[in-house]
Amino acid sequence: AASLSDGTPSSNVTFTFSEAPVGFDASDLTMAGGTLGPITQDTATTYHATFTATDGISATGSVSVTAGSYTDA
């Protein structure tokens, strides 16, 4: 979603890799302005999760993958 608010608090986040990662999980991610639900693997190279914005704040939410936190197959 372009903007999350109390009325629309969640957005789907997709992680797409060029090769299958080894050991990719929530510990490889950093979130700001909200929380991330469980990560679901869709294919060998695609995962998704739902990011939910924290109520009552007007901060920019973000999810980032920590560099070097996983390896490729």
N, C-alpha and C. Protein backbone atom coordinates (compact mmCIF):
# COMPACT_ATOMS: atom_id res chain seq x y z
N ALA A 1 0.84 -1.18 0.00
CA ALA A 1 0.00 0.00 0.00
C ALA A 1 0.88 1.23 0.00
N ALA A 2 0.44 2.27 -0.67
CA ALA A 2 1.21 3.51 -0.73
C ALA A 2 1.27 4.18 0.63
N SER A 3 0.21 4.04 1.41
CA SER A 3 0.16 4.67 2.72
C SER A 3 -0.65 3.78 3.65
N LEU A 4 -0.13 3.59 4.86
CA LEU A 4 -0.85 2.79 5.85
C LEU A 4 -1.37 3.71 6.93
N SER A 5 -2.55 3.41 7.46
CA SER A 5 -3.15 4.22 8.50
C SER A 5 -3.94 3.32 9.43
N ASP A 6 -4.58 3.90 10.45
CA ASP A 6 -5.39 3.09 11.35
C ASP A 6 -6.51 2.37 10.60
N GLY A 7 -7.01 2.96 9.51
CA GLY A 7 -8.07 2.33 8.72
C GLY A 7 -7.54 1.25 7.79
N THR A 8 -6.30 1.37 7.36
CA THR A 8 -5.65 0.39 6.48
C THR A 8 -4.28 0.10 7.06
N PRO A 9 -4.23 -0.70 8.13
CA PRO A 9 -2.99 -0.85 8.88
C PRO A 9 -1.99 -1.86 8.32
N SER A 10 -2.34 -2.64 7.30
CA SER A 10 -1.46 -3.72 6.86
C SER A 10 -1.17 -3.68 5.37
N SER A 11 -0.02 -4.24 5.01
CA SER A 11 0.38 -4.34 3.62
C SER A 11 1.20 -5.61 3.43
N ASN A 12 1.03 -6.26 2.28
CA ASN A 12 1.81 -7.45 1.97
C ASN A 12 3.21 -7.04 1.51
N VAL A 13 4.23 -7.70 2.01
CA VAL A 13 5.61 -7.45 1.62
C VAL A 13 6.13 -8.72 0.96
N THR A 14 6.71 -8.59 -0.23
CA THR A 14 7.25 -9.74 -0.95
C THR A 14 8.77 -9.64 -1.03
N PHE A 15 9.44 -10.74 -0.76
CA PHE A 15 10.89 -10.84 -0.85
C PHE A 15 11.20 -11.78 -2.02
N THR A 16 11.88 -11.28 -3.04
CA THR A 16 12.20 -12.07 -4.22
C THR A 16 13.71 -12.13 -4.38
N PHE A 17 14.25 -13.34 -4.47
CA PHE A 17 15.68 -13.57 -4.59
C PHE A 17 16.00 -14.11 -5.98
N SER A 18 17.21 -13.86 -6.47
CA SER A 18 17.61 -14.39 -7.77
C SER A 18 17.96 -15.87 -7.69
N GLU A 19 18.35 -16.33 -6.52
CA GLU A 19 18.62 -17.74 -6.25
C GLU A 19 17.99 -18.10 -4.91
N ALA A 20 17.75 -19.38 -4.68
CA ALA A 20 17.15 -19.80 -3.41
C ALA A 20 18.07 -19.47 -2.24
N PRO A 21 17.59 -18.73 -1.24
CA PRO A 21 18.42 -18.43 -0.08
C PRO A 21 18.45 -19.60 0.89
N VAL A 22 19.52 -19.68 1.66
CA VAL A 22 19.66 -20.69 2.70
C VAL A 22 19.59 -19.98 4.05
N GLY A 23 18.66 -20.39 4.88
CA GLY A 23 18.56 -19.82 6.22
C GLY A 23 17.88 -18.47 6.29
N PHE A 24 17.10 -18.08 5.28
CA PHE A 24 16.39 -16.80 5.33
C PHE A 24 15.20 -16.91 6.28
N ASP A 25 15.14 -16.02 7.28
CA ASP A 25 14.02 -15.98 8.21
C ASP A 25 13.90 -14.57 8.80
N ALA A 26 13.00 -14.41 9.75
CA ALA A 26 12.72 -13.09 10.32
C ALA A 26 13.94 -12.44 10.97
N SER A 27 14.90 -13.25 11.42
CA SER A 27 16.09 -12.66 12.05
C SER A 27 16.97 -11.92 11.04
N ASP A 28 16.71 -12.10 9.74
CA ASP A 28 17.45 -11.41 8.68
C ASP A 28 16.86 -10.05 8.34
N LEU A 29 15.79 -9.67 9.03
CA LEU A 29 15.05 -8.45 8.68
C LEU A 29 15.09 -7.41 9.79
N THR A 30 14.99 -6.16 9.38
CA THR A 30 14.87 -5.04 10.32
C THR A 30 13.61 -4.28 9.96
N MET A 31 12.76 -4.01 10.95
CA MET A 31 11.52 -3.28 10.74
C MET A 31 11.53 -1.96 11.50
N ALA A 32 10.83 -0.98 10.95
CA ALA A 32 10.62 0.30 11.63
C ALA A 32 9.18 0.72 11.42
N GLY A 33 8.56 1.27 12.44
CA GLY A 33 7.20 1.78 12.32
C GLY A 33 6.12 0.72 12.28
N GLY A 34 6.43 -0.50 12.64
CA GLY A 34 5.43 -1.55 12.62
C GLY A 34 6.05 -2.91 12.89
N THR A 35 5.26 -3.93 12.66
CA THR A 35 5.71 -5.30 12.90
C THR A 35 5.43 -6.15 11.66
N LEU A 36 6.17 -7.24 11.56
CA LEU A 36 6.00 -8.15 10.43
C LEU A 36 5.47 -9.48 10.94
N GLY A 37 4.44 -9.98 10.28
CA GLY A 37 3.88 -11.28 10.64
C GLY A 37 4.80 -12.40 10.17
N PRO A 38 4.36 -13.63 10.33
CA PRO A 38 5.18 -14.78 9.92
C PRO A 38 5.53 -14.73 8.43
N ILE A 39 6.74 -15.15 8.11
CA ILE A 39 7.19 -15.21 6.72
C ILE A 39 6.75 -16.54 6.13
N THR A 40 6.15 -16.47 4.94
CA THR A 40 5.68 -17.66 4.23
C THR A 40 6.47 -17.81 2.95
N GLN A 41 6.99 -19.02 2.70
CA GLN A 41 7.72 -19.28 1.46
C GLN A 41 6.72 -19.68 0.39
N ASP A 42 6.72 -18.95 -0.73
CA ASP A 42 5.80 -19.23 -1.84
C ASP A 42 6.44 -20.15 -2.88
N THR A 43 7.68 -19.85 -3.24
CA THR A 43 8.46 -20.66 -4.18
C THR A 43 9.88 -20.74 -3.61
N ALA A 44 10.79 -21.37 -4.34
CA ALA A 44 12.17 -21.47 -3.86
C ALA A 44 12.82 -20.10 -3.70
N THR A 45 12.35 -19.11 -4.46
CA THR A 45 12.98 -17.78 -4.44
C THR A 45 12.06 -16.64 -4.00
N THR A 46 10.83 -16.95 -3.61
CA THR A 46 9.87 -15.91 -3.24
C THR A 46 9.22 -16.20 -1.89
N TYR A 47 9.21 -15.18 -1.04
CA TYR A 47 8.61 -15.25 0.29
C TYR A 47 7.69 -14.05 0.46
N HIS A 48 6.75 -14.13 1.40
CA HIS A 48 5.94 -12.94 1.71
C HIS A 48 5.57 -12.93 3.19
N ALA A 49 5.18 -11.75 3.64
CA ALA A 49 4.72 -11.55 5.01
C ALA A 49 3.84 -10.31 5.02
N THR A 50 3.11 -10.12 6.10
CA THR A 50 2.26 -8.94 6.24
C THR A 50 2.89 -7.97 7.23
N PHE A 51 3.11 -6.73 6.76
CA PHE A 51 3.62 -5.67 7.61
C PHE A 51 2.42 -4.91 8.16
N THR A 52 2.38 -4.73 9.49
CA THR A 52 1.30 -3.99 10.14
C THR A 52 1.88 -2.75 10.80
N ALA A 53 1.38 -1.59 10.38
CA ALA A 53 1.86 -0.32 10.93
C ALA A 53 1.46 -0.18 12.39
N THR A 54 2.31 0.49 13.15
CA THR A 54 2.01 0.77 14.55
C THR A 54 0.95 1.86 14.61
N ASP A 55 -0.13 1.62 15.38
CA ASP A 55 -1.21 2.61 15.52
C ASP A 55 -0.72 3.89 16.18
N GLY A 56 -1.27 5.01 15.73
CA GLY A 56 -1.08 6.27 16.41
C GLY A 56 0.25 6.97 16.17
N ILE A 57 1.04 6.51 15.21
CA ILE A 57 2.28 7.22 14.91
C ILE A 57 2.26 7.68 13.46
N SER A 58 2.97 8.72 13.17
CA SER A 58 3.04 9.20 11.79
C SER A 58 4.49 9.08 11.31
N ALA A 59 5.04 7.90 11.44
CA ALA A 59 6.41 7.63 11.00
C ALA A 59 6.38 6.78 9.73
N THR A 60 7.48 6.77 9.05
CA THR A 60 7.60 5.95 7.85
C THR A 60 7.91 4.52 8.26
N GLY A 61 7.10 3.61 7.77
CA GLY A 61 7.33 2.20 8.04
C GLY A 61 8.29 1.63 7.01
N SER A 62 9.10 0.68 7.44
CA SER A 62 10.01 0.05 6.49
C SER A 62 10.37 -1.35 6.93
N VAL A 63 10.74 -2.16 5.96
CA VAL A 63 11.25 -3.51 6.19
C VAL A 63 12.49 -3.64 5.31
N SER A 64 13.61 -4.03 5.89
CA SER A 64 14.82 -4.21 5.08
C SER A 64 15.50 -5.51 5.45
N VAL A 65 16.20 -6.07 4.46
CA VAL A 65 16.96 -7.31 4.64
C VAL A 65 18.38 -6.91 5.00
N THR A 66 18.90 -7.47 6.08
CA THR A 66 20.25 -7.18 6.53
C THR A 66 21.25 -7.82 5.57
N ALA A 67 22.18 -7.02 5.06
CA ALA A 67 23.17 -7.51 4.11
C ALA A 67 24.00 -8.63 4.73
N GLY A 68 24.21 -9.69 3.97
CA GLY A 68 25.05 -10.79 4.40
C GLY A 68 24.47 -11.68 5.48
N SER A 69 23.17 -11.56 5.73
CA SER A 69 22.55 -12.32 6.83
C SER A 69 22.12 -13.72 6.41
N TYR A 70 22.15 -14.04 5.13
CA TYR A 70 21.79 -15.36 4.62
C TYR A 70 22.72 -15.68 3.47
N THR A 71 22.70 -16.91 3.00
CA THR A 71 23.52 -17.29 1.84
C THR A 71 22.63 -17.86 0.76
N ASP A 72 23.14 -17.89 -0.47
CA ASP A 72 22.36 -18.50 -1.53
C ASP A 72 22.75 -19.98 -1.66
N ALA A 73 21.88 -20.72 -2.32
CA ALA A 73 22.12 -22.15 -2.45
C ALA A 73 23.27 -22.39 -3.40
